[in-house]
Amino acid sequence: MLREALMAMMEMKARQAHLLEEARVMQLLHRARHSEAPQKVSAYVFVSACQPKRVAWALRRIPGVLKADALSGTSEALLVVEQRSLEELHHLLYRVESIPGVQKVLVRFAA
């Protein structure tokens, strides 16, 4: 029973973090749509993968990926990406998720 409560609390915290990230995306999108000056969107993308070195190599070929490295001791790769808009970033993330071996993608925006 305690374990179930702990798992439920962890899931709730994960959902809360996801909602906060979505709110930030919406805020950035609103600012971008109502701004005259073009602003680039930069983000760090954590990619969980079966073979992170191979996946990082494939991800380097995607336009907008500035850097892609496999992280030692984990099954993750870290990307630094930049696009002209949130819409373009969304398309880039779709391409990242479509790479064979990619299991999960987590995005954190640069402040």
Protein backbone atom coordinates (compact mmCIF):
# COMPACT_ATOMS: atom_id res chain seq x y z
CA MET A 1 0.00 0.00 0.00
CA LEU A 2 2.85 2.39 0.84
CA ARG A 3 4.60 1.43 -2.38
CA GLU A 4 1.46 2.18 -4.42
CA ALA A 5 1.12 5.57 -2.76
CA LEU A 6 4.77 6.34 -3.47
CA MET A 7 4.39 5.31 -7.11
CA ALA A 8 1.26 7.46 -7.46
CA MET A 9 3.10 10.43 -5.96
CA MET A 10 6.04 9.95 -8.35
CA GLU A 11 3.67 9.78 -11.33
CA MET A 12 1.93 12.93 -10.16
CA LYS A 13 5.26 14.78 -9.88
CA ALA A 14 6.24 13.63 -13.37
CA ARG A 15 2.89 14.83 -14.76
CA GLN A 16 3.33 18.13 -12.96
CA ALA A 17 6.80 18.63 -14.46
CA HIS A 18 5.43 17.79 -17.90
CA LEU A 19 2.59 20.30 -17.51
CA LEU A 20 5.00 23.01 -16.40
CA GLU A 21 7.15 22.35 -19.46
CA GLU A 22 4.07 22.52 -21.70
CA ALA A 23 3.08 25.83 -20.10
CA ARG A 24 6.53 27.20 -20.85
CA VAL A 25 6.24 26.07 -24.47
CA MET A 26 2.87 27.78 -24.78
CA GLN A 27 4.29 30.94 -23.27
CA LEU A 28 7.22 30.92 -25.71
CA LEU A 29 4.88 30.26 -28.61
CA HIS A 30 2.66 33.17 -27.57
CA ARG A 31 5.67 35.49 -27.33
CA ALA A 32 7.02 34.33 -30.69
CA ARG A 33 3.69 34.90 -32.45
CA HIS A 34 3.30 38.39 -31.01
CA SER A 35 6.87 39.51 -31.53
CA GLU A 36 8.14 41.30 -34.63
CA ALA A 37 11.77 40.35 -34.12
CA PRO A 38 12.63 36.79 -35.09
CA GLN A 39 13.89 34.84 -32.10
CA LYS A 40 15.65 31.51 -32.18
CA VAL A 41 14.56 28.72 -29.89
CA SER A 42 17.36 26.76 -28.20
CA ALA A 43 16.92 23.58 -26.21
CA TYR A 44 18.74 20.67 -24.65
CA VAL A 45 17.27 17.33 -25.65
CA PHE A 46 17.92 14.18 -23.62
CA VAL A 47 17.41 11.08 -25.74
CA SER A 48 17.09 7.61 -24.20
CA ALA A 49 18.22 5.01 -26.71
CA CYS A 50 19.23 1.38 -27.09
CA GLN A 51 22.56 2.32 -28.64
CA PRO A 52 23.23 5.96 -27.74
CA LYS A 53 26.49 6.26 -29.71
CA ARG A 54 24.85 5.07 -32.92
CA VAL A 55 21.78 7.22 -32.30
CA ALA A 56 23.92 10.31 -31.56
CA TRP A 57 25.78 9.75 -34.84
CA ALA A 58 22.47 9.63 -36.75
CA LEU A 59 21.12 12.69 -34.91
CA ARG A 60 24.13 14.81 -35.90
CA ARG A 61 22.87 14.68 -39.49
CA ILE A 62 19.58 16.43 -38.69
CA PRO A 63 19.64 20.15 -39.55
CA GLY A 64 19.23 22.19 -36.38
CA VAL A 65 21.13 19.73 -34.18
CA LEU A 66 24.18 21.74 -33.15
CA LYS A 67 25.72 19.00 -31.00
CA ALA A 68 24.89 15.37 -30.27
CA ASP A 69 26.88 13.26 -27.83
CA ALA A 70 26.34 9.91 -26.14
CA LEU A 71 26.66 10.20 -22.36
CA SER A 72 29.05 7.75 -20.73
CA GLY A 73 27.62 5.25 -18.27
CA THR A 74 24.03 5.77 -19.41
CA SER A 75 21.73 4.83 -22.24
CA GLU A 76 21.28 8.48 -23.17
CA ALA A 77 22.47 11.00 -25.69
CA LEU A 78 22.39 14.76 -25.19
CA LEU A 79 21.56 17.15 -28.01
CA VAL A 80 21.91 20.89 -28.29
CA VAL A 81 19.39 22.14 -30.83
CA GLU A 82 18.37 25.49 -32.25
CA GLN A 83 15.53 26.44 -34.57
CA ARG A 84 13.92 29.65 -35.80
CA SER A 85 10.55 28.90 -34.20
CA LEU A 86 8.74 26.52 -31.88
CA GLU A 87 7.01 24.99 -34.90
CA GLU A 88 10.38 24.18 -36.47
CA LEU A 89 11.59 22.80 -33.14
CA HIS A 90 8.50 20.59 -32.99
CA HIS A 91 9.33 19.21 -36.46
CA LEU A 92 12.94 18.62 -35.42
CA LEU A 93 11.79 16.70 -32.33
CA TYR A 94 9.50 14.59 -34.50
CA ARG A 95 12.53 13.67 -36.64
CA VAL A 96 14.53 12.83 -33.49
CA GLU A 97 11.76 10.54 -32.25
CA SER A 98 11.60 8.77 -35.62
CA ILE A 99 15.27 7.66 -35.50
CA PRO A 100 15.47 3.87 -34.99
CA GLY A 101 16.57 3.05 -31.44
CA VAL A 102 15.17 6.22 -29.84
CA GLN A 103 13.00 5.25 -26.87
CA LYS A 104 12.24 8.52 -25.08
CA VAL A 105 12.87 12.23 -25.62
CA LEU A 106 12.98 14.88 -22.89
CA VAL A 107 13.28 18.58 -23.83
CA ARG A 108 14.57 21.37 -21.63
CA PHE A 109 14.58 24.90 -23.01
CA ALA A 110 17.61 27.13 -22.66
CA ALA A 111 16.86 30.16 -20.49
